[in-house]
Amino acid sequence: MSREGQSEPADGRRGSARGFTRRFAGTCAALAGLAAVLIGASGCSHRQPVAQAPPPQALPPPPQQQQVVVPPAEAPEPSTSASGPAVRIPPTPAPPGGVTAEDLDYIATHRPILTQTGYATWYTAPYKGRRTASGQVFDDDAMTAAHRTLPMGAVIVATNLETGQSAAMRITDRGPFVEGRILDMSMASAKATGVYRAGLAEVRIDVYETPKSINSGGRWCVQIGAFHSEREALKLKEQLLRTYADSNVIEFAGEDSYWVRIRPEGDDRAMAEYIARHVQPSEGEAYLTRLD
């Protein structure tokens, strides 16, 4: 075999090797370029990090508003000041005859809430149609009586301590305005208790029922008299107006005499009691008196 014939395979192998080498080198270059790109991208990301906003935090709930309950303003009590003209006490209803069968039943099944002892008298109206302090027309035949401080409309039993006679009656008037006496009876009440003939008798008063409290509240005044001269009553009124400027001082005519009445501001009981203890009229007596 000649050498030229043997040289072709060698050249073919060398050509094939050179092609493989070129392909391998191209692949490596491509891989190296891709790696450079990846490394470059990684480097840029490291140098300029992208700032990411923190996850939103839940906002705290708004503070709850406390509901403030404002109590309603207390309604002012109606003024009972007696700075103006004297106002007549509204009539206190009283049944015909003074007491009823229901009153008697109540007395029979209850105990008295207050007991007093003193002297009683009786009185009659000087003229027909005369009204009592309660506003009722005075009736000689009704079982009624007058008392200075018991609430108007109170139901009582009066017992004659000398004879033992007793009867139920209702307070519808004010009096007696005589020192040492605590009860003035109508003619019917006086006859039922044996006071009519005697004219004056010691009695026990048992109070069973009152439409208003005995110890609290009430409208109070101080009544001074009786004066047989209107001039003396007016003179005392002028003196009292200077002493008790905040009170309502009036003078009025009675059946056959004159009276002076001091009504403290608001008809207050404590002030009326103070005035009754300290007033010293040169004529007449001072009596603590309940108006209602």
C-alpha atoms as a PDB file:
ATOM      1  CA  MET A   1       0.000   0.000   0.000  1.00  0.00           C
ATOM      2  CA  SER A   2       1.470   3.370  -0.846  1.00  0.00           C
ATOM      3  CA  ARG A   3       1.812   6.067   1.846  1.00  0.00           C
ATOM      4  CA  GLU A   4      -0.573   8.314   0.000  1.00  0.00           C
ATOM      5  CA  GLY A   5      -3.278   5.734   0.350  1.00  0.00           C
ATOM      6  CA  GLN A   6      -2.612   5.483   4.056  1.00  0.00           C
ATOM      7  CA  SER A   7      -2.684   9.251   4.613  1.00  0.00           C
ATOM      8  CA  GLU A   8      -6.429   9.804   3.987  1.00  0.00           C
ATOM      9  CA  PRO A   9      -7.727   8.133   7.095  1.00  0.00           C
ATOM     10  CA  ALA A  10      -5.353  10.099   9.210  1.00  0.00           C
ATOM     11  CA  ASP A  11      -6.466  13.319   7.601  1.00  0.00           C
ATOM     12  CA  GLY A  12     -10.100  12.327   8.143  1.00  0.00           C
ATOM     13  CA  ARG A  13      -9.499  11.663  11.779  1.00  0.00           C
ATOM     14  CA  ARG A  14      -7.644  14.947  12.192  1.00  0.00           C
ATOM     15  CA  GLY A  15     -10.515  16.799  10.480  1.00  0.00           C
ATOM     16  CA  SER A  16     -13.034  15.110  12.687  1.00  0.00           C
ATOM     17  CA  ALA A  17     -10.994  15.971  15.781  1.00  0.00           C
ATOM     18  CA  ARG A  18     -10.659  19.554  14.685  1.00  0.00           C
ATOM     19  CA  GLY A  19     -14.483  19.803  14.217  1.00  0.00           C
ATOM     20  CA  PHE A  20     -15.193  18.349  17.601  1.00  0.00           C
ATOM     21  CA  THR A  21     -12.681  20.720  19.157  1.00  0.00           C
ATOM     22  CA  ARG A  22     -14.328  23.686  17.502  1.00  0.00           C
ATOM     23  CA  ARG A  23     -17.802  22.573  18.625  1.00  0.00           C
ATOM     24  CA  PHE A  24     -16.621  21.935  22.187  1.00  0.00           C
ATOM     25  CA  ALA A  25     -14.899  25.271  22.352  1.00  0.00           C
ATOM     26  CA  GLY A  26     -18.065  26.998  21.130  1.00  0.00           C
ATOM     27  CA  THR A  27     -20.141  25.220  23.719  1.00  0.00           C
ATOM     28  CA  CYS A  28     -17.734  26.188  26.464  1.00  0.00           C
ATOM     29  CA  ALA A  29     -17.751  29.784  25.296  1.00  0.00           C
ATOM     30  CA  ALA A  30     -21.534  29.788  25.330  1.00  0.00           C
ATOM     31  CA  LEU A  31     -21.602  28.312  28.798  1.00  0.00           C
ATOM     32  CA  ALA A  32     -19.021  30.831  29.983  1.00  0.00           C
ATOM     33  CA  GLY A  33     -21.093  33.696  28.589  1.00  0.00           C
ATOM     34  CA  LEU A  34     -24.236  32.416  30.250  1.00  0.00           C
ATOM     35  CA  ALA A  35     -22.388  32.097  33.536  1.00  0.00           C
ATOM     36  CA  ALA A  36     -21.099  35.642  33.200  1.00  0.00           C
ATOM     37  CA  VAL A  37     -24.590  36.913  32.599  1.00  0.00           C
ATOM     38  CA  LEU A  38     -25.915  35.056  35.633  1.00  0.00           C
ATOM     39  CA  ILE A  39     -23.042  36.264  37.804  1.00  0.00           C
ATOM     40  CA  GLY A  40     -23.513  39.824  36.565  1.00  0.00           C
ATOM     41  CA  ALA A  41     -27.193  39.714  37.293  1.00  0.00           C
ATOM     42  CA  SER A  42     -26.511  38.327  40.734  1.00  0.00           C
ATOM     43  CA  GLY A  43     -23.979  41.097  41.382  1.00  0.00           C
ATOM     44  CA  CYS A  44     -26.367  43.897  40.408  1.00  0.00           C
ATOM     45  CA  SER A  45     -29.047  42.514  42.656  1.00  0.00           C
ATOM     46  CA  HIS A  46     -26.640  42.531  45.574  1.00  0.00           C
ATOM     47  CA  ARG A  47     -25.435  46.090  45.000  1.00  0.00           C
ATOM     48  CA  GLN A  48     -28.889  47.672  44.666  1.00  0.00           C
ATOM     49  CA  PRO A  49     -31.331  45.836  46.845  1.00  0.00           C
ATOM     50  CA  VAL A  50     -34.923  46.647  46.177  1.00  0.00           C
ATOM     51  CA  ALA A  51     -36.578  48.200  49.258  1.00  0.00           C
ATOM     52  CA  GLN A  52     -39.689  46.258  50.078  1.00  0.00           C
ATOM     53  CA  ALA A  53     -42.425  47.943  52.121  1.00  0.00           C
ATOM     54  CA  PRO A  54     -43.044  46.239  55.434  1.00  0.00           C
ATOM     55  CA  PRO A  55     -46.260  44.310  55.670  1.00  0.00           C
ATOM     56  CA  PRO A  56     -49.080  46.597  56.747  1.00  0.00           C
ATOM     57  CA  GLN A  57     -49.732  46.499  60.449  1.00  0.00           C
ATOM     58  CA  ALA A  58     -53.239  46.339  61.751  1.00  0.00           C
ATOM     59  CA  LEU A  59     -54.268  49.741  63.087  1.00  0.00           C
ATOM     60  CA  PRO A  60     -55.400  49.769  66.705  1.00  0.00           C
ATOM     61  CA  PRO A  61     -59.151  50.078  67.090  1.00  0.00           C
ATOM     62  CA  PRO A  62     -60.331  53.600  67.868  1.00  0.00           C
ATOM     63  CA  PRO A  63     -60.906  54.163  71.571  1.00  0.00           C
ATOM     64  CA  GLN A  64     -64.449  53.523  72.590  1.00  0.00           C
ATOM     65  CA  GLN A  65     -66.249  56.639  73.702  1.00  0.00           C
ATOM     66  CA  GLN A  66     -67.709  56.272  77.134  1.00  0.00           C
ATOM     67  CA  GLN A  67     -71.315  57.243  77.228  1.00  0.00           C
ATOM     68  CA  VAL A  68     -71.844  59.760  79.982  1.00  0.00           C
ATOM     69  CA  VAL A  69     -75.333  59.631  81.358  1.00  0.00           C
ATOM     70  CA  VAL A  70     -76.314  63.016  82.687  1.00  0.00           C
ATOM     71  CA  PRO A  71     -79.099  62.704  85.227  1.00  0.00           C
ATOM     72  CA  PRO A  72     -82.023  64.956  84.517  1.00  0.00           C
ATOM     73  CA  ALA A  73     -82.035  68.116  86.529  1.00  0.00           C
ATOM     74  CA  GLU A  74     -84.219  67.904  89.509  1.00  0.00           C
ATOM     75  CA  ALA A  75     -87.366  69.856  89.066  1.00  0.00           C
ATOM     76  CA  PRO A  76     -87.425  72.753  91.537  1.00  0.00           C
ATOM     77  CA  GLU A  77     -90.000  72.430  94.225  1.00  0.00           C
ATOM     78  CA  PRO A  78     -92.864  74.853  93.822  1.00  0.00           C
ATOM     79  CA  SER A  79     -92.273  77.914  95.923  1.00  0.00           C
ATOM     80  CA  THR A  80     -94.530  78.274  98.895  1.00  0.00           C
ATOM     81  CA  SER A  81     -93.105  81.610  99.881  1.00  0.00           C
ATOM     82  CA  ALA A  82     -95.634  83.774 101.615  1.00  0.00           C
ATOM     83  CA  SER A  83     -94.060  87.037 100.485  1.00  0.00           C
ATOM     84  CA  GLY A  84     -97.226  88.049  98.668  1.00  0.00           C
ATOM     85  CA  PRO A  85    -100.775  88.417  99.885  1.00  0.00           C
ATOM     86  CA  ALA A  86    -102.043  85.686 102.170  1.00  0.00           C
ATOM     87  CA  VAL A  87    -103.534  82.775 100.260  1.00  0.00           C
ATOM     88  CA  ARG A  88    -106.503  80.963 101.732  1.00  0.00           C
ATOM     89  CA  ILE A  89    -105.854  77.273 102.325  1.00  0.00           C
ATOM     90  CA  PRO A  90    -107.655  75.094  99.761  1.00  0.00           C
ATOM     91  CA  PRO A  91    -110.741  73.414 101.219  1.00  0.00           C
ATOM     92  CA  THR A  92    -110.178  70.032 102.820  1.00  0.00           C
ATOM     93  CA  PRO A  93    -112.987  67.638 101.847  1.00  0.00           C
ATOM     94  CA  ALA A  94    -114.998  66.408 104.793  1.00  0.00           C
ATOM     95  CA  PRO A  95    -117.970  64.037 104.632  1.00  0.00           C
ATOM     96  CA  PRO A  96    -121.400  65.242 105.722  1.00  0.00           C
ATOM     97  CA  GLY A  97    -121.726  64.835 109.456  1.00  0.00           C
ATOM     98  CA  GLY A  98    -117.937  64.851 109.955  1.00  0.00           C
ATOM     99  CA  VAL A  99    -117.365  61.102 110.242  1.00  0.00           C
ATOM    100  CA  THR A 100    -118.617  58.078 108.308  1.00  0.00           C
ATOM    101  CA  ALA A 101    -119.316  54.412 109.028  1.00  0.00           C
ATOM    102  CA  GLU A 102    -115.964  53.613 107.403  1.00  0.00           C
ATOM    103  CA  ASP A 103    -114.241  55.957 109.854  1.00  0.00           C
ATOM    104  CA  LEU A 104    -115.862  54.132 112.772  1.00  0.00           C
ATOM    105  CA  ASP A 105    -114.804  50.747 111.375  1.00  0.00           C
ATOM    106  CA  TYR A 106    -111.230  52.005 111.000  1.00  0.00           C
ATOM    107  CA  ILE A 107    -111.180  53.236 114.580  1.00  0.00           C
ATOM    108  CA  ALA A 108    -112.501  49.884 115.836  1.00  0.00           C
ATOM    109  CA  THR A 109    -109.692  47.954 114.090  1.00  0.00           C
ATOM    110  CA  HIS A 110    -106.696  50.243 114.588  1.00  0.00           C
ATOM    111  CA  ARG A 111    -104.649  51.773 117.364  1.00  0.00           C
ATOM    112  CA  PRO A 112    -104.226  55.538 117.791  1.00  0.00           C
ATOM    113  CA  ILE A 113    -101.071  57.068 116.331  1.00  0.00           C
ATOM    114  CA  LEU A 114    -100.973  59.995 118.762  1.00  0.00           C
ATOM    115  CA  THR A 115    -102.515  60.861 122.129  1.00  0.00           C
ATOM    116  CA  GLN A 116    -102.885  64.286 123.761  1.00  0.00           C
ATOM    117  CA  THR A 117    -104.483  65.439 126.980  1.00  0.00           C
ATOM    118  CA  GLY A 118    -105.870  68.892 127.704  1.00  0.00           C
ATOM    119  CA  TYR A 119    -108.987  70.974 128.088  1.00  0.00           C
ATOM    120  CA  ALA A 120    -111.784  71.151 125.551  1.00  0.00           C
ATOM    121  CA  THR A 121    -114.603  73.610 125.001  1.00  0.00           C
ATOM    122  CA  TRP A 122    -117.290  73.973 122.362  1.00  0.00           C
ATOM    123  CA  TYR A 123    -118.245  76.761 119.977  1.00  0.00           C
ATOM    124  CA  THR A 124    -120.923  77.730 117.502  1.00  0.00           C
ATOM    125  CA  ALA A 125    -121.017  79.879 114.395  1.00  0.00           C
ATOM    126  CA  PRO A 126    -122.015  83.503 115.034  1.00  0.00           C
ATOM    127  CA  TYR A 127    -123.840  83.594 111.695  1.00  0.00           C
ATOM    128  CA  LYS A 128    -125.201  81.105 109.199  1.00  0.00           C
ATOM    129  CA  GLY A 129    -122.863  80.056 106.390  1.00  0.00           C
ATOM    130  CA  ARG A 130    -119.646  80.809 108.259  1.00  0.00           C
ATOM    131  CA  ARG A 131    -116.778  78.809 106.764  1.00  0.00           C
ATOM    132  CA  THR A 132    -114.212  77.005 108.834  1.00  0.00           C
ATOM    133  CA  ALA A 133    -110.460  77.138 108.211  1.00  0.00           C
ATOM    134  CA  SER A 134    -110.814  74.020 106.031  1.00  0.00           C
ATOM    135  CA  GLY A 135    -113.251  75.794 103.735  1.00  0.00           C
ATOM    136  CA  GLN A 136    -116.257  73.789 104.897  1.00  0.00           C
ATOM    137  CA  VAL A 137    -119.400  75.555 106.061  1.00  0.00           C
ATOM    138  CA  PHE A 138    -119.638  75.211 109.822  1.00  0.00           C
ATOM    139  CA  ASP A 139    -122.429  72.892 110.969  1.00  0.00           C
ATOM    140  CA  ASP A 140    -123.507  72.636 114.593  1.00  0.00           C
ATOM    141  CA  ASP A 141    -124.866  69.134 113.939  1.00  0.00           C
ATOM    142  CA  ALA A 142    -121.702  67.702 112.382  1.00  0.00           C
ATOM    143  CA  MET A 143    -119.219  65.694 114.447  1.00  0.00           C
ATOM    144  CA  THR A 144    -116.308  68.103 113.991  1.00  0.00           C
ATOM    145  CA  ALA A 145    -113.792  70.012 116.083  1.00  0.00           C
ATOM    146  CA  ALA A 146    -111.036  72.632 115.881  1.00  0.00           C
ATOM    147  CA  HIS A 147    -107.374  71.988 116.708  1.00  0.00           C
ATOM    148  CA  ARG A 148    -104.343  74.248 116.245  1.00  0.00           C
ATOM    149  CA  THR A 149    -101.751  71.790 114.899  1.00  0.00           C
ATOM    150  CA  LEU A 150    -103.320  68.491 113.772  1.00  0.00           C
ATOM    151  CA  PRO A 151    -103.565  68.128 109.968  1.00  0.00           C
ATOM    152  CA  MET A 152    -106.867  69.251 108.580  1.00  0.00           C
ATOM    153  CA  GLY A 153    -109.171  66.268 108.092  1.00  0.00           C
ATOM    154  CA  ALA A 154    -107.664  64.178 110.904  1.00  0.00           C
ATOM    155  CA  VAL A 155    -110.012  61.637 112.490  1.00  0.00           C
ATOM    156  CA  ILE A 156    -109.885  61.608 116.299  1.00  0.00           C
ATOM    157  CA  VAL A 157    -111.714  60.203 119.306  1.00  0.00           C
ATOM    158  CA  ALA A 158    -112.210  62.608 122.213  1.00  0.00           C
ATOM    159  CA  THR A 159    -112.845  61.095 125.655  1.00  0.00           C
ATOM    160  CA  ASN A 160    -114.171  63.107 128.568  1.00  0.00           C
ATOM    161  CA  LEU A 161    -111.855  62.127 131.435  1.00  0.00           C
ATOM    162  CA  GLU A 162    -114.496  63.117 134.026  1.00  0.00           C
ATOM    163  CA  THR A 163    -117.485  61.226 132.633  1.00  0.00           C
ATOM    164  CA  GLY A 164    -115.872  58.621 130.378  1.00  0.00           C
ATOM    165  CA  GLN A 165    -118.012  59.654 127.414  1.00  0.00           C
ATOM    166  CA  SER A 166    -116.266  59.489 124.051  1.00  0.00           C
ATOM    167  CA  ALA A 167    -117.051  60.177 120.418  1.00  0.00           C
ATOM    168  CA  ALA A 168    -115.325  60.198 117.030  1.00  0.00           C
ATOM    169  CA  MET A 169    -115.003  63.503 115.181  1.00  0.00           C
ATOM    170  CA  ARG A 170    -113.030  65.140 112.372  1.00  0.00           C
ATOM    171  CA  ILE A 171    -110.761  68.198 112.538  1.00  0.00           C
ATOM    172  CA  THR A 172    -112.128  70.869 110.176  1.00  0.00           C
ATOM    173  CA  ASP A 173    -111.173  74.140 111.862  1.00  0.00           C
ATOM    174  CA  ARG A 174    -108.361  75.934 113.742  1.00  0.00           C
ATOM    175  CA  GLY A 175    -108.468  76.840 117.418  1.00  0.00           C
ATOM    176  CA  PRO A 176    -108.989  77.229 120.253  1.00  0.00           C
ATOM    177  CA  PHE A 177    -106.829  80.346 120.584  1.00  0.00           C
ATOM    178  CA  VAL A 178    -107.030  80.365 124.330  1.00  0.00           C
ATOM    179  CA  GLU A 179    -104.114  79.423 126.562  1.00  0.00           C
ATOM    180  CA  GLY A 180    -104.435  75.961 128.152  1.00  0.00           C
ATOM    181  CA  ARG A 181    -107.069  74.617 125.745  1.00  0.00           C
ATOM    182  CA  ILE A 182    -106.407  72.111 122.960  1.00  0.00           C
ATOM    183  CA  LEU A 183    -109.814  71.354 121.387  1.00  0.00           C
ATOM    184  CA  ASP A 184    -112.927  73.277 120.367  1.00  0.00           C
ATOM    185  CA  MET A 185    -115.900  71.035 119.598  1.00  0.00           C
ATOM    186  CA  SER A 186    -119.005  71.589 117.550  1.00  0.00           C
ATOM    187  CA  MET A 187    -122.263  71.475 119.456  1.00  0.00           C
ATOM    188  CA  ALA A 188    -122.953  67.886 118.337  1.00  0.00           C
ATOM    189  CA  SER A 189    -119.469  66.711 119.406  1.00  0.00           C
ATOM    190  CA  ALA A 190    -119.763  68.511 122.731  1.00  0.00           C
ATOM    191  CA  LYS A 191    -123.113  66.864 123.489  1.00  0.00           C
ATOM    192  CA  ALA A 192    -121.774  63.398 122.582  1.00  0.00           C
ATOM    193  CA  THR A 193    -118.845  63.760 124.990  1.00  0.00           C
ATOM    194  CA  GLY A 194    -120.586  65.532 127.885  1.00  0.00           C
ATOM    195  CA  VAL A 195    -118.718  68.796 127.314  1.00  0.00           C
ATOM    196  CA  TYR A 196    -121.788  70.762 126.244  1.00  0.00           C
ATOM    197  CA  ARG A 197    -123.287  71.293 129.721  1.00  0.00           C
ATOM    198  CA  ALA A 198    -119.969  71.659 131.485  1.00  0.00           C
ATOM    199  CA  GLY A 199    -118.618  74.118 128.931  1.00  0.00           C
ATOM    200  CA  LEU A 200    -115.054  73.096 129.820  1.00  0.00           C
ATOM    201  CA  ALA A 201    -113.749  69.579 130.450  1.00  0.00           C
ATOM    202  CA  GLU A 202    -110.462  67.724 130.482  1.00  0.00           C
ATOM    203  CA  VAL A 203    -110.280  65.299 127.557  1.00  0.00           C
ATOM    204  CA  ARG A 204    -107.950  62.799 125.979  1.00  0.00           C
ATOM    205  CA  ILE A 205    -107.524  63.050 122.227  1.00  0.00           C
ATOM    206  CA  ASP A 206    -106.649  59.840 120.375  1.00  0.00           C
ATOM    207  CA  VAL A 207    -105.633  60.485 116.762  1.00  0.00           C
ATOM    208  CA  TYR A 208    -106.370  57.555 114.425  1.00  0.00           C
ATOM    209  CA  GLU A 209    -105.957  58.828 110.889  1.00  0.00           C
ATOM    210  CA  THR A 210    -104.535  61.907 109.150  1.00  0.00           C
ATOM    211  CA  PRO A 211    -104.512  62.726 105.425  1.00  0.00           C
ATOM    212  CA  LYS A 212    -101.051  64.306 105.867  1.00  0.00           C
ATOM    213  CA  SER A 213     -98.046  63.604 108.049  1.00  0.00           C
ATOM    214  CA  ILE A 214     -98.203  64.899 111.596  1.00  0.00           C
ATOM    215  CA  ASN A 215     -94.467  65.312 112.106  1.00  0.00           C
ATOM    216  CA  SER A 216     -93.141  66.413 108.697  1.00  0.00           C
ATOM    217  CA  GLY A 217     -94.162  68.938 106.108  1.00  0.00           C
ATOM    218  CA  GLY A 218     -97.140  71.149 106.518  1.00  0.00           C
ATOM    219  CA  ARG A 219     -97.687  74.893 106.243  1.00  0.00           C
ATOM    220  CA  TRP A 220     -97.164  76.753 109.484  1.00  0.00           C
ATOM    221  CA  CYS A 221     -97.636  80.200 110.963  1.00  0.00           C
ATOM    222  CA  VAL A 222     -97.815  82.039 114.256  1.00  0.00           C
ATOM    223  CA  GLN A 223    -101.149  83.585 115.182  1.00  0.00           C
ATOM    224  CA  ILE A 224    -101.294  86.342 117.767  1.00  0.00           C
ATOM    225  CA  GLY A 225    -104.432  87.660 119.427  1.00  0.00           C
ATOM    226  CA  ALA A 226    -107.082  88.288 120.157  1.00  0.00           C
ATOM    227  CA  PHE A 227    -107.078  92.095 120.146  1.00  0.00           C
ATOM    228  CA  HIS A 228    -110.220  93.984 120.982  1.00  0.00           C
ATOM    229  CA  SER A 229    -108.765  97.098 119.341  1.00  0.00           C
ATOM    230  CA  GLU A 230    -107.872  97.205 115.656  1.00  0.00           C
ATOM    231  CA  ARG A 231    -105.383  99.949 116.476  1.00  0.00           C
ATOM    232  CA  GLU A 232    -103.427  97.622 118.746  1.00  0.00           C
ATOM    233  CA  ALA A 233    -103.399  94.901 116.097  1.00  0.00           C
ATOM    234  CA  LEU A 234    -102.046  97.319 113.463  1.00  0.00           C
ATOM    235  CA  LYS A 235     -99.422  98.599 115.877  1.00  0.00           C
ATOM    236  CA  LEU A 236     -98.153  95.064 116.507  1.00  0.00           C
ATOM    237  CA  LYS A 237     -98.192  94.334 112.782  1.00  0.00           C
ATOM    238  CA  GLU A 238     -95.892  97.310 112.090  1.00  0.00           C
ATOM    239  CA  GLN A 239     -93.469  96.152 114.783  1.00  0.00           C
ATOM    240  CA  LEU A 240     -93.380  92.595 113.445  1.00  0.00           C
ATOM    241  CA  LEU A 241     -92.828  93.776 109.858  1.00  0.00           C
ATOM    242  CA  ARG A 242     -89.591  95.434 110.990  1.00  0.00           C
ATOM    243  CA  THR A 243     -88.457  92.379 112.949  1.00  0.00           C
ATOM    244  CA  TYR A 244     -89.471  89.678 110.459  1.00  0.00           C
ATOM    245  CA  ALA A 245     -88.887  91.362 107.107  1.00  0.00           C
ATOM    246  CA  ASP A 246     -88.808  88.031 105.251  1.00  0.00           C
ATOM    247  CA  SER A 247     -92.172  86.933 106.614  1.00  0.00           C
ATOM    248  CA  ASN A 248     -95.688  87.826 105.599  1.00  0.00           C
ATOM    249  CA  VAL A 249     -97.406  89.652 108.439  1.00  0.00           C
ATOM    250  CA  ILE A 250    -101.103  90.347 108.131  1.00  0.00           C
ATOM    251  CA  GLU A 251    -103.865  91.506 110.399  1.00  0.00           C
ATOM    252  CA  PHE A 252    -107.440  90.352 110.051  1.00  0.00           C
ATOM    253  CA  ALA A 253    -110.720  90.636 111.827  1.00  0.00           C
ATOM    254  CA  GLY A 254    -112.210  87.747 113.752  1.00  0.00           C
ATOM    255  CA  GLU A 255    -115.753  87.354 115.022  1.00  0.00           C
ATOM    256  CA  ASP A 256    -115.493  90.105 117.617  1.00  0.00           C
ATOM    257  CA  SER A 257    -111.745  90.742 117.745  1.00  0.00           C
ATOM    258  CA  TYR A 258    -108.601  91.249 115.656  1.00  0.00           C
ATOM    259  CA  TRP A 259    -105.686  88.947 114.974  1.00  0.00           C
ATOM    260  CA  VAL A 260    -102.144  89.210 113.640  1.00  0.00           C
ATOM    261  CA  ARG A 261    -100.597  86.303 111.721  1.00  0.00           C
ATOM    262  CA  ILE A 262     -96.926  85.771 110.874  1.00  0.00           C
ATOM    263  CA  ARG A 263     -96.252  83.394 107.996  1.00  0.00           C
ATOM    264  CA  PRO A 264     -92.494  82.711 107.648  1.00  0.00           C
ATOM    265  CA  GLU A 265     -90.991  82.269 104.219  1.00  0.00           C
ATOM    266  CA  GLY A 266     -92.168  78.984 102.747  1.00  0.00           C
ATOM    267  CA  ASP A 267     -94.526  78.516 105.721  1.00  0.00           C
ATOM    268  CA  ASP A 268     -91.583  76.702 107.307  1.00  0.00           C
ATOM    269  CA  ARG A 269     -92.379  74.893 110.549  1.00  0.00           C
ATOM    270  CA  ALA A 270     -88.953  75.321 112.200  1.00  0.00           C
ATOM    271  CA  MET A 271     -89.025  79.073 111.632  1.00  0.00           C
ATOM    272  CA  ALA A 272     -92.617  79.298 112.834  1.00  0.00           C
ATOM    273  CA  GLU A 273     -91.668  77.439 116.018  1.00  0.00           C
ATOM    274  CA  TYR A 274     -88.714  79.809 116.527  1.00  0.00           C
ATOM    275  CA  ILE A 275     -90.957  82.855 116.132  1.00  0.00           C
ATOM    276  CA  ALA A 276     -93.563  81.412 118.500  1.00  0.00           C
ATOM    277  CA  ARG A 277     -90.884  80.912 121.183  1.00  0.00           C
ATOM    278  CA  HIS A 278     -89.325  84.372 120.824  1.00  0.00           C
ATOM    279  CA  VAL A 279     -92.126  86.759 119.946  1.00  0.00           C
ATOM    280  CA  GLN A 280     -93.352  88.570 123.029  1.00  0.00           C
ATOM    281  CA  PRO A 281     -96.373  90.721 122.186  1.00  0.00           C
ATOM    282  CA  SER A 282     -97.374  93.209 124.844  1.00  0.00           C
ATOM    283  CA  GLU A 283    -100.970  92.164 124.264  1.00  0.00           C
ATOM    284  CA  GLY A 284    -102.411  88.849 123.180  1.00  0.00           C
ATOM    285  CA  GLU A 285    -100.829  85.381 123.030  1.00  0.00           C
ATOM    286  CA  ALA A 286     -98.737  83.727 120.296  1.00  0.00           C
ATOM    287  CA  TYR A 287     -99.935  80.338 119.035  1.00  0.00           C
ATOM    288  CA  LEU A 288     -98.112  77.960 116.706  1.00  0.00           C
ATOM    289  CA  THR A 289    -100.730  77.034 114.102  1.00  0.00           C
ATOM    290  CA  ARG A 290    -100.804  74.668 111.137  1.00  0.00           C
ATOM    291  CA  LEU A 291    -102.575  76.037 108.098  1.00  0.00           C
ATOM    292  CA  ASP A 292    -103.177  72.853 106.091  1.00  0.00           C
END
